[in-house]
């Protein structure tokens, strides 16, 4: 769609929409537990200190509450877009990342958070 049309959206805006869709999907089941949790998108994870395990760039991260700061789930846009097997799979991968981070928050497995976890992405 041409950028001068009202419905035109940037890739970043579309990505933000994927995160919001995923959060809304989870809030149907976990509204009470997710109350007060902040969800955010950042382009890339911080490089210092690197929260990376096994040399892999993280796709998301959960930050527990600290003092007056609310718990926060962050999804890293560029790593997710790079790792998505196909551009159409970005939404599915975003949902998996959000589910994994919410699982950390709730101290559950991703499958407990969303029984359909892992079904949307192809191998």
PDB file of N, CA and C in Angstrom:
ATOM      1  N   UNK A   1       0.847  -1.168   0.000  1.00  0.00           N
ATOM      2  CA  UNK A   1       0.000   0.000   0.000  1.00  0.00           C
ATOM      3  C   UNK A   1       0.897   1.237   0.000  1.00  0.00           C
ATOM      4  N   UNK A   2       0.614   2.229  -0.826  1.00  0.00           N
ATOM      5  CA  UNK A   2       1.445   3.441  -0.875  1.00  0.00           C
ATOM      6  C   UNK A   2       1.414   4.208   0.448  1.00  0.00           C
ATOM      7  N   UNK A   3       2.551   4.804   0.830  1.00  0.00           N
ATOM      8  CA  UNK A   3       2.631   5.486   2.128  1.00  0.00           C
ATOM      9  C   UNK A   3       1.717   6.705   2.259  1.00  0.00           C
ATOM     10  N   UNK A   4       1.204   7.217   1.164  1.00  0.00           N
ATOM     11  CA  UNK A   4       0.353   8.400   1.270  1.00  0.00           C
ATOM     12  C   UNK A   4      -1.118   8.056   1.533  1.00  0.00           C
ATOM     13  N   UNK A   5      -1.453   6.768   1.594  1.00  0.00           N
ATOM     14  CA  UNK A   5      -2.820   6.360   1.901  1.00  0.00           C
ATOM     15  C   UNK A   5      -3.011   6.252   3.414  1.00  0.00           C
ATOM     16  N   UNK A   6      -4.204   6.591   3.912  1.00  0.00           N
ATOM     17  CA  UNK A   6      -4.430   6.576   5.373  1.00  0.00           C
ATOM     18  C   UNK A   6      -4.218   5.217   6.032  1.00  0.00           C
ATOM     19  N   UNK A   7      -4.456   4.136   5.331  1.00  0.00           N
ATOM     20  CA  UNK A   7      -4.329   2.803   5.935  1.00  0.00           C
ATOM     21  C   UNK A   7      -2.890   2.298   5.942  1.00  0.00           C
ATOM     22  N   UNK A   8      -1.963   3.027   5.351  1.00  0.00           N
ATOM     23  CA  UNK A   8      -0.575   2.585   5.286  1.00  0.00           C
ATOM     24  C   UNK A   8       0.018   2.504   6.683  1.00  0.00           C
ATOM     25  N   UNK A   9       0.722   1.417   6.950  1.00  0.00           N
ATOM     26  CA  UNK A   9       1.359   1.195   8.247  1.00  0.00           C
ATOM     27  C   UNK A   9       2.808   0.799   8.018  1.00  0.00           C
ATOM     28  N   UNK A  10       3.687   1.266   8.885  1.00  0.00           N
ATOM     29  CA  UNK A  10       5.082   0.876   8.798  1.00  0.00           C
ATOM     30  C   UNK A  10       5.240  -0.549   9.317  1.00  0.00           C
ATOM     31  N   UNK A  11       6.373  -1.167   9.007  1.00  0.00           N
ATOM     32  CA  UNK A  11       6.654  -2.509   9.549  1.00  0.00           C
ATOM     33  C   UNK A  11       6.657  -2.480  11.063  1.00  0.00           C
ATOM     34  N   UNK A  12       7.197  -1.433  11.650  1.00  0.00           N
ATOM     35  CA  UNK A  12       7.243  -1.326  13.112  1.00  0.00           C
ATOM     36  C   UNK A  12       5.828  -1.233  13.693  1.00  0.00           C
ATOM     37  N   UNK A  13       4.946  -0.490  13.048  1.00  0.00           N
ATOM     38  CA  UNK A  13       3.571  -0.380  13.530  1.00  0.00           C
ATOM     39  C   UNK A  13       2.837  -1.712  13.408  1.00  0.00           C
ATOM     40  N   UNK A  14       3.073  -2.410  12.317  1.00  0.00           N
ATOM     41  CA  UNK A  14       2.460  -3.731  12.136  1.00  0.00           C
ATOM     42  C   UNK A  14       2.971  -4.690  13.210  1.00  0.00           C
ATOM     43  N   UNK A  15       4.269  -4.634  13.495  1.00  0.00           N
ATOM     44  CA  UNK A  15       4.861  -5.475  14.533  1.00  0.00           C
ATOM     45  C   UNK A  15       4.221  -5.165  15.885  1.00  0.00           C
ATOM     46  N   UNK A  16       4.089  -3.877  16.207  1.00  0.00           N
ATOM     47  CA  UNK A  16       3.433  -3.474  17.465  1.00  0.00           C
ATOM     48  C   UNK A  16       2.030  -4.073  17.548  1.00  0.00           C
ATOM     49  N   UNK A  17       1.315  -4.059  16.429  1.00  0.00           N
ATOM     50  CA  UNK A  17      -0.030  -4.644  16.392  1.00  0.00           C
ATOM     51  C   UNK A  17      -0.001  -6.139  16.698  1.00  0.00           C
ATOM     52  N   UNK A  18       1.022  -6.839  16.196  1.00  0.00           N
ATOM     53  CA  UNK A  18       1.152  -8.274  16.485  1.00  0.00           C
ATOM     54  C   UNK A  18       1.320  -8.506  17.990  1.00  0.00           C
ATOM     55  N   UNK A  19       2.134  -7.664  18.633  1.00  0.00           N
ATOM     56  CA  UNK A  19       2.340  -7.798  20.081  1.00  0.00           C
ATOM     57  C   UNK A  19       1.028  -7.526  20.816  1.00  0.00           C
ATOM     58  N   UNK A  20       0.332  -6.467  20.442  1.00  0.00           N
ATOM     59  CA  UNK A  20      -0.944  -6.150  21.086  1.00  0.00           C
ATOM     60  C   UNK A  20      -1.957  -7.274  20.898  1.00  0.00           C
ATOM     61  N   UNK A  21      -2.016  -7.850  19.697  1.00  0.00           N
ATOM     62  CA  UNK A  21      -2.928  -8.966  19.442  1.00  0.00           C
ATOM     63  C   UNK A  21      -2.605 -10.150  20.350  1.00  0.00           C
ATOM     64  N   UNK A  22      -1.325 -10.423  20.502  1.00  0.00           N
ATOM     65  CA  UNK A  22      -0.899 -11.538  21.340  1.00  0.00           C
ATOM     66  C   UNK A  22      -1.270 -11.296  22.804  1.00  0.00           C
ATOM     67  N   UNK A  23      -1.025 -10.090  23.277  1.00  0.00           N
ATOM     68  CA  UNK A  23      -1.350  -9.753  24.668  1.00  0.00           C
ATOM     69  C   UNK A  23      -2.858  -9.864  24.891  1.00  0.00           C
ATOM     70  N   UNK A  24      -3.646  -9.345  23.957  1.00  0.00           N
ATOM     71  CA  UNK A  24      -5.107  -9.443  24.089  1.00  0.00           C
ATOM     72  C   UNK A  24      -5.560 -10.895  24.125  1.00  0.00           C
ATOM     73  N   UNK A  25      -4.926 -11.728  23.324  1.00  0.00           N
ATOM     74  CA  UNK A  25      -5.257 -13.161  23.301  1.00  0.00           C
ATOM     75  C   UNK A  25      -4.997 -13.790  24.668  1.00  0.00           C
ATOM     76  N   UNK A  26      -3.869 -13.435  25.278  1.00  0.00           N
ATOM     77  CA  UNK A  26      -3.533 -14.006  26.588  1.00  0.00           C
ATOM     78  C   UNK A  26      -4.378 -13.406  27.705  1.00  0.00           C
ATOM     79  N   UNK A  27      -4.748 -12.137  27.565  1.00  0.00           N
ATOM     80  CA  UNK A  27      -5.542 -11.500  28.620  1.00  0.00           C
ATOM     81  C   UNK A  27      -6.931 -12.128  28.756  1.00  0.00           C
ATOM     82  N   UNK A  28      -7.414 -12.762  27.709  1.00  0.00           N
ATOM     83  CA  UNK A  28      -8.705 -13.447  27.819  1.00  0.00           C
ATOM     84  C   UNK A  28      -8.657 -14.523  28.900  1.00  0.00           C
ATOM     85  N   UNK A  29      -7.502 -15.129  29.060  1.00  0.00           N
ATOM     86  CA  UNK A  29      -7.352 -16.223  30.028  1.00  0.00           C
ATOM     87  C   UNK A  29      -6.669 -15.784  31.324  1.00  0.00           C
ATOM     88  N   UNK A  30      -5.781 -14.805  31.235  1.00  0.00           N
ATOM     89  CA  UNK A  30      -4.932 -14.433  32.357  1.00  0.00           C
ATOM     90  C   UNK A  30      -5.098 -12.963  32.770  1.00  0.00           C
ATOM     91  N   UNK A  31      -6.278 -12.403  32.633  1.00  0.00           N
ATOM     92  CA  UNK A  31      -6.498 -10.971  32.894  1.00  0.00           C
ATOM     93  C   UNK A  31      -6.016 -10.550  34.277  1.00  0.00           C
ATOM     94  N   UNK A  32      -6.381 -11.299  35.289  1.00  0.00           N
ATOM     95  CA  UNK A  32      -6.010 -10.939  36.660  1.00  0.00           C
ATOM     96  C   UNK A  32      -4.497 -10.987  36.839  1.00  0.00           C
ATOM     97  N   UNK A  33      -3.869 -12.037  36.335  1.00  0.00           N
ATOM     98  CA  UNK A  33      -2.421 -12.222  36.504  1.00  0.00           C
ATOM     99  C   UNK A  33      -1.612 -11.206  35.713  1.00  0.00           C
ATOM    100  N   UNK A  34      -2.168 -10.702  34.611  1.00  0.00           N
ATOM    101  CA  UNK A  34      -1.437  -9.756  33.752  1.00  0.00           C
ATOM    102  C   UNK A  34      -1.758  -8.294  34.067  1.00  0.00           C
ATOM    103  N   UNK A  35      -2.654  -8.088  35.027  1.00  0.00           N
ATOM    104  CA  UNK A  35      -2.995  -6.722  35.393  1.00  0.00           C
ATOM    105  C   UNK A  35      -1.755  -5.993  35.907  1.00  0.00           C
ATOM    106  N   UNK A  36      -1.465  -4.847  35.333  1.00  0.00           N
ATOM    107  CA  UNK A  36      -0.310  -4.053  35.753  1.00  0.00           C
ATOM    108  C   UNK A  36       0.982  -4.406  35.043  1.00  0.00           C
ATOM    109  N   UNK A  37       0.999  -5.467  34.260  1.00  0.00           N
ATOM    110  CA  UNK A  37       2.208  -5.837  33.522  1.00  0.00           C
ATOM    111  C   UNK A  37       2.325  -4.940  32.294  1.00  0.00           C
ATOM    112  N   UNK A  38       3.501  -4.413  32.076  1.00  0.00           N
ATOM    113  CA  UNK A  38       3.742  -3.574  30.903  1.00  0.00           C
ATOM    114  C   UNK A  38       4.312  -4.439  29.785  1.00  0.00           C
ATOM    115  N   UNK A  39       3.854  -4.201  28.573  1.00  0.00           N
ATOM    116  CA  UNK A  39       4.370  -4.884  27.390  1.00  0.00           C
ATOM    117  C   UNK A  39       4.966  -3.831  26.483  1.00  0.00           C
ATOM    118  N   UNK A  40       6.151  -4.118  25.951  1.00  0.00           N
ATOM    119  CA  UNK A  40       6.848  -3.136  25.128  1.00  0.00           C
ATOM    120  C   UNK A  40       7.558  -3.815  23.963  1.00  0.00           C
ATOM    121  N   UNK A  41       7.875  -3.005  22.981  1.00  0.00           N
ATOM    122  CA  UNK A  41       8.669  -3.448  21.836  1.00  0.00           C
ATOM    123  C   UNK A  41       9.900  -2.570  21.778  1.00  0.00           C
ATOM    124  N   UNK A  42      11.047  -3.196  21.633  1.00  0.00           N
ATOM    125  CA  UNK A  42      12.292  -2.473  21.376  1.00  0.00           C
ATOM    126  C   UNK A  42      12.892  -3.055  20.112  1.00  0.00           C
ATOM    127  N   UNK A  43      13.631  -2.242  19.392  1.00  0.00           N
ATOM    128  CA  UNK A  43      14.193  -2.720  18.128  1.00  0.00           C
ATOM    129  C   UNK A  43      15.182  -3.862  18.334  1.00  0.00           C
ATOM    130  N   UNK A  44      16.097  -3.688  19.281  1.00  0.00           N
ATOM    131  CA  UNK A  44      17.127  -4.704  19.541  1.00  0.00           C
ATOM    132  C   UNK A  44      17.367  -4.797  21.048  1.00  0.00           C
ATOM    133  N   UNK A  45      17.880  -5.932  21.512  1.00  0.00           N
ATOM    134  CA  UNK A  45      18.198  -6.041  22.942  1.00  0.00           C
ATOM    135  C   UNK A  45      19.400  -5.175  23.284  1.00  0.00           C
ATOM    136  N   UNK A  46      19.520  -4.796  24.543  1.00  0.00           N
ATOM    137  CA  UNK A  46      20.686  -3.998  24.939  1.00  0.00           C
ATOM    138  C   UNK A  46      21.968  -4.813  24.774  1.00  0.00           C
ATOM    139  N   UNK A  47      23.028  -4.121  24.444  1.00  0.00           N
ATOM    140  CA  UNK A  47      24.293  -4.838  24.265  1.00  0.00           C
ATOM    141  C   UNK A  47      25.112  -4.867  25.546  1.00  0.00           C
ATOM    142  N   UNK A  48      24.764  -4.020  26.507  1.00  0.00           N
ATOM    143  CA  UNK A  48      25.512  -3.995  27.746  1.00  0.00           C
ATOM    144  C   UNK A  48      24.562  -3.762  28.905  1.00  0.00           C
ATOM    145  N   UNK A  49      24.367  -4.667  29.810  1.00  0.00           N
ATOM    146  CA  UNK A  49      24.942  -6.011  29.764  1.00  0.00           C
ATOM    147  C   UNK A  49      24.133  -6.897  28.838  1.00  0.00           C
ATOM    148  N   UNK A  50      24.825  -7.744  28.129  1.00  0.00           N
ATOM    149  CA  UNK A  50      24.165  -8.641  27.179  1.00  0.00           C
ATOM    150  C   UNK A  50      23.440  -9.753  27.930  1.00  0.00           C
ATOM    151  N   UNK A  51      22.111  -9.829  27.780  1.00  0.00           N
ATOM    152  CA  UNK A  51      21.357 -10.880  28.485  1.00  0.00           C
ATOM    153  C   UNK A  51      21.299 -12.163  27.671  1.00  0.00           C
ATOM    154  N   UNK A  52      22.263 -12.377  26.839  1.00  0.00           N
ATOM    155  CA  UNK A  52      22.203 -13.458  25.870  1.00  0.00           C
ATOM    156  C   UNK A  52      22.748 -14.751  26.437  1.00  0.00           C
ATOM    157  N   UNK A  53      22.008 -15.815  26.199  1.00  0.00           N
ATOM    158  CA  UNK A  53      22.443 -17.135  26.633  1.00  0.00           C
ATOM    159  C   UNK A  53      22.957 -17.906  25.426  1.00  0.00           C
ATOM    160  N   UNK A  54      24.008 -18.612  25.579  1.00  0.00           N
ATOM    161  CA  UNK A  54      24.557 -19.481  24.540  1.00  0.00           C
ATOM    162  C   UNK A  54      24.849 -18.715  23.260  1.00  0.00           C
ATOM    163  N   UNK A  55      25.162 -17.421  23.351  1.00  0.00           N
ATOM    164  CA  UNK A  55      25.526 -16.635  22.182  1.00  0.00           C
ATOM    165  C   UNK A  55      24.377 -16.271  21.261  1.00  0.00           C
ATOM    166  N   UNK A  56      23.143 -16.636  21.608  1.00  0.00           N
ATOM    167  CA  UNK A  56      21.999 -16.316  20.763  1.00  0.00           C
ATOM    168  C   UNK A  56      21.407 -14.966  21.158  1.00  0.00           C
ATOM    169  N   UNK A  57      21.015 -14.200  20.159  1.00  0.00           N
ATOM    170  CA  UNK A  57      20.351 -12.932  20.419  1.00  0.00           C
ATOM    171  C   UNK A  57      18.935 -13.238  20.899  1.00  0.00           C
ATOM    172  N   UNK A  58      18.534 -12.675  22.040  1.00  0.00           N
ATOM    173  CA  UNK A  58      17.197 -12.967  22.561  1.00  0.00           C
ATOM    174  C   UNK A  58      16.109 -12.327  21.707  1.00  0.00           C
ATOM    175  N   UNK A  59      14.959 -12.968  21.693  1.00  0.00           N
ATOM    176  CA  UNK A  59      13.808 -12.445  20.965  1.00  0.00           C
ATOM    177  C   UNK A  59      12.906 -11.634  21.892  1.00  0.00           C
ATOM    178  N   UNK A  60      13.054 -11.862  23.191  1.00  0.00           N
ATOM    179  CA  UNK A  60      12.259 -11.138  24.173  1.00  0.00           C
ATOM    180  C   UNK A  60      12.868 -11.312  25.541  1.00  0.00           C
ATOM    181  N   UNK A  61      12.317 -10.569  26.496  1.00  0.00           N
ATOM    182  CA  UNK A  61      12.855 -10.655  27.849  1.00  0.00           C
ATOM    183  C   UNK A  61      11.790 -10.223  28.851  1.00  0.00           C
ATOM    184  N   UNK A  62      11.794 -10.878  29.997  1.00  0.00           N
ATOM    185  CA  UNK A  62      10.912 -10.520  31.103  1.00  0.00           C
ATOM    186  C   UNK A  62      11.739  -9.814  32.169  1.00  0.00           C
ATOM    187  N   UNK A  63      11.247  -8.666  32.598  1.00  0.00           N
ATOM    188  CA  UNK A  63      11.878  -7.919  33.673  1.00  0.00           C
ATOM    189  C   UNK A  63      10.921  -7.933  34.869  1.00  0.00           C
ATOM    190  N   UNK A  64      11.285  -8.562  35.982  1.00  0.00           N
ATOM    191  CA  UNK A  64      10.399  -8.577  37.152  1.00  0.00           C
ATOM    192  C   UNK A  64      10.241  -7.159  37.708  1.00  0.00           C
ATOM    193  N   UNK A  65       9.214  -6.967  38.516  1.00  0.00           N
ATOM    194  CA  UNK A  65       9.002  -5.648  39.117  1.00  0.00           C
ATOM    195  C   UNK A  65      10.185  -5.318  40.020  1.00  0.00           C
ATOM    196  N   UNK A  66      10.507  -4.035  40.059  1.00  0.00           N
ATOM    197  CA  UNK A  66      11.595  -3.554  40.909  1.00  0.00           C
ATOM    198  C   UNK A  66      11.129  -2.275  41.560  1.00  0.00           C
ATOM    199  N   UNK A  67      10.959  -2.291  42.846  1.00  0.00           N
ATOM    200  CA  UNK A  67      10.492  -1.096  43.536  1.00  0.00           C
ATOM    201  C   UNK A  67       9.152  -0.645  42.978  1.00  0.00           C
ATOM    202  N   UNK A  68       9.106   0.580  42.474  1.00  0.00           N
ATOM    203  CA  UNK A  68       7.864   1.138  41.916  1.00  0.00           C
ATOM    204  C   UNK A  68       7.654   0.732  40.455  1.00  0.00           C
ATOM    205  N   UNK A  69       8.648   0.095  39.846  1.00  0.00           N
ATOM    206  CA  UNK A  69       8.526  -0.305  38.437  1.00  0.00           C
ATOM    207  C   UNK A  69       7.703  -1.582  38.313  1.00  0.00           C
ATOM    208  N   UNK A  70       6.756  -1.557  37.398  1.00  0.00           N
ATOM    209  CA  UNK A  70       5.893  -2.718  37.153  1.00  0.00           C
ATOM    210  C   UNK A  70       6.680  -3.802  36.421  1.00  0.00           C
ATOM    211  N   UNK A  71       6.229  -5.054  36.510  1.00  0.00           N
ATOM    212  CA  UNK A  71       6.870  -6.098  35.701  1.00  0.00           C
ATOM    213  C   UNK A  71       6.684  -5.735  34.235  1.00  0.00           C
ATOM    214  N   UNK A  72       7.659  -6.154  33.417  1.00  0.00           N
ATOM    215  CA  UNK A  72       7.667  -5.722  32.015  1.00  0.00           C
ATOM    216  C   UNK A  72       8.097  -6.862  31.111  1.00  0.00           C
ATOM    217  N   UNK A  73       7.380  -7.018  30.013  1.00  0.00           N
ATOM    218  CA  UNK A  73       7.733  -7.973  28.973  1.00  0.00           C
ATOM    219  C   UNK A  73       8.117  -7.164  27.742  1.00  0.00           C
ATOM    220  N   UNK A  74       9.311  -7.446  27.219  1.00  0.00           N
ATOM    221  CA  UNK A  74       9.801  -6.736  26.039  1.00  0.00           C
ATOM    222  C   UNK A  74      10.007  -7.740  24.915  1.00  0.00           C
ATOM    223  N   UNK A  75       9.557  -7.372  23.720  1.00  0.00           N
ATOM    224  CA  UNK A  75       9.779  -8.173  22.518  1.00  0.00           C
ATOM    225  C   UNK A  75      10.724  -7.368  21.635  1.00  0.00           C
ATOM    226  N   UNK A  76      11.779  -8.024  21.146  1.00  0.00           N
ATOM    227  CA  UNK A  76      12.783  -7.355  20.315  1.00  0.00           C
ATOM    228  C   UNK A  76      12.453  -7.559  18.833  1.00  0.00           C
ATOM    229  N   UNK A  77      12.048  -6.466  18.191  1.00  0.00           N
ATOM    230  CA  UNK A  77      11.505  -6.516  16.833  1.00  0.00           C
ATOM    231  C   UNK A  77      12.486  -7.066  15.795  1.00  0.00           C
ATOM    232  N   UNK A  78      13.661  -6.526  15.709  1.00  0.00           N
ATOM    233  CA  UNK A  78      14.562  -6.937  14.616  1.00  0.00           C
ATOM    234  C   UNK A  78      14.996  -8.395  14.731  1.00  0.00           C
ATOM    235  N   UNK A  79      15.363  -8.890  15.905  1.00  0.00           N
ATOM    236  CA  UNK A  79      15.693 -10.313  15.986  1.00  0.00           C
ATOM    237  C   UNK A  79      14.513 -11.217  15.614  1.00  0.00           C
ATOM    238  N   UNK A  80      13.290 -10.836  16.022  1.00  0.00           N
ATOM    239  CA  UNK A  80      12.114 -11.652  15.681  1.00  0.00           C
ATOM    240  C   UNK A  80      11.909 -11.647  14.178  1.00  0.00           C
ATOM    241  N   UNK A  81      11.972 -10.475  13.561  1.00  0.00           N
ATOM    242  CA  UNK A  81      11.779 -10.392  12.113  1.00  0.00           C
ATOM    243  C   UNK A  81      12.852 -11.186  11.364  1.00  0.00           C
ATOM    244  N   UNK A  82      14.068 -11.179  11.882  1.00  0.00           N
ATOM    245  CA  UNK A  82      15.157 -11.923  11.247  1.00  0.00           C
ATOM    246  C   UNK A  82      14.964 -13.428  11.391  1.00  0.00           C
ATOM    247  N   UNK A  83      14.463 -13.863  12.550  1.00  0.00           N
ATOM    248  CA  UNK A  83      14.335 -15.282  12.833  1.00  0.00           C
ATOM    249  C   UNK A  83      13.064 -15.908  12.263  1.00  0.00           C
ATOM    250  N   UNK A  84      12.063 -15.097  11.944  1.00  0.00           N
ATOM    251  CA  UNK A  84      10.804 -15.652  11.423  1.00  0.00           C
ATOM    252  C   UNK A  84      11.087 -16.407  10.134  1.00  0.00           C
ATOM    253  N   UNK A  85      10.648 -17.675  10.048  1.00  0.00           N
ATOM    254  CA  UNK A  85      10.925 -18.491   8.870  1.00  0.00           C
ATOM    255  C   UNK A  85      10.377 -17.881   7.576  1.00  0.00           C
ATOM    256  N   UNK A  86       9.351 -17.111   7.689  1.00  0.00           N
ATOM    257  CA  UNK A  86       8.709 -16.496   6.532  1.00  0.00           C
ATOM    258  C   UNK A  86       8.063 -15.223   7.061  1.00  0.00           C
ATOM    259  N   UNK A  87       8.031 -14.189   6.273  1.00  0.00           N
ATOM    260  CA  UNK A  87       7.440 -12.934   6.719  1.00  0.00           C
ATOM    261  C   UNK A  87       6.049 -13.109   7.287  1.00  0.00           C
ATOM    262  N   UNK A  88       5.301 -14.059   6.768  1.00  0.00           N
ATOM    263  CA  UNK A  88       3.944 -14.305   7.274  1.00  0.00           C
ATOM    264  C   UNK A  88       3.969 -14.934   8.653  1.00  0.00           C
ATOM    265  N   UNK A  89       5.095 -15.495   9.074  1.00  0.00           N
ATOM    266  CA  UNK A  89       5.198 -16.159  10.370  1.00  0.00           C
ATOM    267  C   UNK A  89       5.596 -15.218  11.502  1.00  0.00           C
ATOM    268  N   UNK A  90       5.781 -13.934  11.203  1.00  0.00           N
ATOM    269  CA  UNK A  90       6.185 -12.989  12.241  1.00  0.00           C
ATOM    270  C   UNK A  90       5.156 -12.961  13.374  1.00  0.00           C
ATOM    271  N   UNK A  91       3.878 -12.889  13.037  1.00  0.00           N
ATOM    272  CA  UNK A  91       2.835 -12.838  14.075  1.00  0.00           C
ATOM    273  C   UNK A  91       2.881 -14.072  14.968  1.00  0.00           C
ATOM    274  N   UNK A  92       3.080 -15.239  14.379  1.00  0.00           N
ATOM    275  CA  UNK A  92       3.138 -16.475  15.163  1.00  0.00           C
ATOM    276  C   UNK A  92       4.360 -16.489  16.069  1.00  0.00           C
ATOM    277  N   UNK A  93       5.506 -16.033  15.560  1.00  0.00           N
ATOM    278  CA  UNK A  93       6.710 -16.002  16.384  1.00  0.00           C
ATOM    279  C   UNK A  93       6.579 -14.963  17.493  1.00  0.00           C
ATOM    280  N   UNK A  94       5.986 -13.820  17.188  1.00  0.00           N
ATOM    281  CA  UNK A  94       5.742 -12.817  18.225  1.00  0.00           C
ATOM    282  C   UNK A  94       4.911 -13.435  19.349  1.00  0.00           C
ATOM    283  N   UNK A  95       3.862 -14.157  18.985  1.00  0.00           N
ATOM    284  CA  UNK A  95       3.015 -14.763  20.019  1.00  0.00           C
ATOM    285  C   UNK A  95       3.810 -15.767  20.855  1.00  0.00           C
ATOM    286  N   UNK A  96       4.656 -16.554  20.228  1.00  0.00           N
ATOM    287  CA  UNK A  96       5.465 -17.507  20.992  1.00  0.00           C
ATOM    288  C   UNK A  96       6.385 -16.784  21.968  1.00  0.00           C
ATOM    289  N   UNK A  97       6.988 -15.695  21.524  1.00  0.00           N
ATOM    290  CA  UNK A  97       7.888 -14.937  22.401  1.00  0.00           C
ATOM    291  C   UNK A  97       7.107 -14.358  23.576  1.00  0.00           C
ATOM    292  N   UNK A  98       5.941 -13.777  23.310  1.00  0.00           N
ATOM    293  CA  UNK A  98       5.130 -13.212  24.387  1.00  0.00           C
ATOM    294  C   UNK A  98       4.711 -14.317  25.360  1.00  0.00           C
ATOM    295  N   UNK A  99       4.285 -15.454  24.838  1.00  0.00           N
ATOM    296  CA  UNK A  99       3.880 -16.578  25.696  1.00  0.00           C
ATOM    297  C   UNK A  99       5.058 -17.028  26.561  1.00  0.00           C
ATOM    298  N   UNK A 100       6.241 -17.152  25.992  1.00  0.00           N
ATOM    299  CA  UNK A 100       7.415 -17.593  26.755  1.00  0.00           C
ATOM    300  C   UNK A 100       7.737 -16.617  27.881  1.00  0.00           C
ATOM    301  N   UNK A 101       7.656 -15.334  27.595  1.00  0.00           N
ATOM    302  CA  UNK A 101       7.975 -14.343  28.622  1.00  0.00           C
ATOM    303  C   UNK A 101       6.893 -14.287  29.698  1.00  0.00           C
ATOM    304  N   UNK A 102       5.637 -14.422  29.317  1.00  0.00           N
ATOM    305  CA  UNK A 102       4.554 -14.485  30.304  1.00  0.00           C
ATOM    306  C   UNK A 102       4.708 -15.749  31.154  1.00  0.00           C
ATOM    307  N   UNK A 103       5.167 -16.832  30.554  1.00  0.00           N
ATOM    308  CA  UNK A 103       5.416 -18.059  31.320  1.00  0.00           C
ATOM    309  C   UNK A 103       6.463 -17.806  32.405  1.00  0.00           C
ATOM    310  N   UNK A 104       7.526 -17.046  32.071  1.00  0.00           N
ATOM    311  CA  UNK A 104       8.527 -16.686  33.093  1.00  0.00           C
ATOM    312  C   UNK A 104       7.859 -15.881  34.208  1.00  0.00           C
ATOM    313  N   UNK A 105       7.039 -14.924  33.817  1.00  0.00           N
ATOM    314  CA  UNK A 105       6.356 -14.072  34.775  1.00  0.00           C
ATOM    315  C   UNK A 105       5.488 -14.886  35.733  1.00  0.00           C
ATOM    316  N   UNK A 106       4.732 -15.825  35.188  1.00  0.00           N
ATOM    317  CA  UNK A 106       3.779 -16.601  35.987  1.00  0.00           C
ATOM    318  C   UNK A 106       4.379 -17.875  36.570  1.00  0.00           C
ATOM    319  N   UNK A 107       5.647 -18.144  36.268  1.00  0.00           N
ATOM    320  CA  UNK A 107       6.330 -19.358  36.715  1.00  0.00           C
ATOM    321  C   UNK A 107       5.572 -20.607  36.259  1.00  0.00           C
ATOM    322  N   UNK A 108       5.216 -20.610  34.973  1.00  0.00           N
ATOM    323  CA  UNK A 108       4.525 -21.733  34.342  1.00  0.00           C
ATOM    324  C   UNK A 108       5.283 -22.126  33.082  1.00  0.00           C
ATOM    325  N   UNK A 109       4.861 -23.204  32.469  1.00  0.00           N
ATOM    326  CA  UNK A 109       5.422 -23.564  31.171  1.00  0.00           C
ATOM    327  C   UNK A 109       4.659 -22.804  30.089  1.00  0.00           C
ATOM    328  N   UNK A 110       5.267 -22.590  28.941  1.00  0.00           N
ATOM    329  CA  UNK A 110       4.537 -21.934  27.849  1.00  0.00           C
ATOM    330  C   UNK A 110       3.246 -22.664  27.476  1.00  0.00           C
ATOM    331  N   UNK A 111       3.259 -23.988  27.557  1.00  0.00           N
ATOM    332  CA  UNK A 111       2.060 -24.774  27.228  1.00  0.00           C
ATOM    333  C   UNK A 111       0.929 -24.545  28.229  1.00  0.00           C
ATOM    334  N   UNK A 112       1.277 -24.234  29.471  1.00  0.00           N
ATOM    335  CA  UNK A 112       0.256 -23.914  30.464  1.00  0.00           C
ATOM    336  C   UNK A 112      -0.333 -22.526  30.212  1.00  0.00           C
ATOM    337  N   UNK A 113       0.496 -21.616  29.759  1.00  0.00           N
ATOM    338  CA  UNK A 113       0.034 -20.260  29.462  1.00  0.00           C
ATOM    339  C   UNK A 113      -0.877 -20.261  28.248  1.00  0.00           C
ATOM    340  N   UNK A 114      -0.474 -20.984  27.202  1.00  0.00           N
ATOM    341  CA  UNK A 114      -1.285 -21.096  25.986  1.00  0.00           C
ATOM    342  C   UNK A 114      -1.178 -22.526  25.481  1.00  0.00           C
ATOM    343  N   UNK A 115      -2.233 -23.317  25.650  1.00  0.00           N
ATOM    344  CA  UNK A 115      -2.183 -24.718  25.225  1.00  0.00           C
ATOM    345  C   UNK A 115      -1.861 -24.899  23.735  1.00  0.00           C
ATOM    346  N   UNK A 116      -2.050 -23.854  22.938  1.00  0.00           N
ATOM    347  CA  UNK A 116      -1.725 -23.943  21.505  1.00  0.00           C
ATOM    348  C   UNK A 116      -0.293 -23.489  21.207  1.00  0.00           C
ATOM    349  N   UNK A 117       0.504 -23.289  22.238  1.00  0.00           N
ATOM    350  CA  UNK A 117       1.902 -22.847  22.069  1.00  0.00           C
ATOM    351  C   UNK A 117       2.643 -23.783  21.120  1.00  0.00           C
ATOM    352  N   UNK A 118       3.295 -23.220  20.138  1.00  0.00           N
ATOM    353  CA  UNK A 118       4.101 -23.991  19.197  1.00  0.00           C
ATOM    354  C   UNK A 118       3.341 -24.536  17.997  1.00  0.00           C
ATOM    355  N   UNK A 119       2.045 -24.413  17.963  1.00  0.00           N
ATOM    356  CA  UNK A 119       1.264 -24.956  16.867  1.00  0.00           C
ATOM    357  C   UNK A 119       1.222 -24.046  15.647  1.00  0.00           C
ATOM    358  N   UNK A 120       1.414 -22.741  15.829  1.00  0.00           N
ATOM    359  CA  UNK A 120       1.240 -21.795  14.728  1.00  0.00           C
ATOM    360  C   UNK A 120       2.437 -21.713  13.795  1.00  0.00           C
ATOM    361  N   UNK A 121       3.622 -22.049  14.274  1.00  0.00           N
ATOM    362  CA  UNK A 121       4.820 -21.945  13.446  1.00  0.00           C
ATOM    363  C   UNK A 121       5.110 -23.257  12.761  1.00  0.00           C
ATOM    364  N   UNK A 122       5.472 -23.177  11.506  1.00  0.00           N
ATOM    365  CA  UNK A 122       5.896 -24.377  10.796  1.00  0.00           C
ATOM    366  C   UNK A 122       7.324 -24.720  11.148  1.00  0.00           C
ATOM    367  N   UNK A 123       7.725 -25.938  10.873  1.00  0.00           N
ATOM    368  CA  UNK A 123       9.093 -26.353  11.200  1.00  0.00           C
ATOM    369  C   UNK A 123      10.072 -25.889  10.161  1.00  0.00           C
TER     370      UNK A 123
END
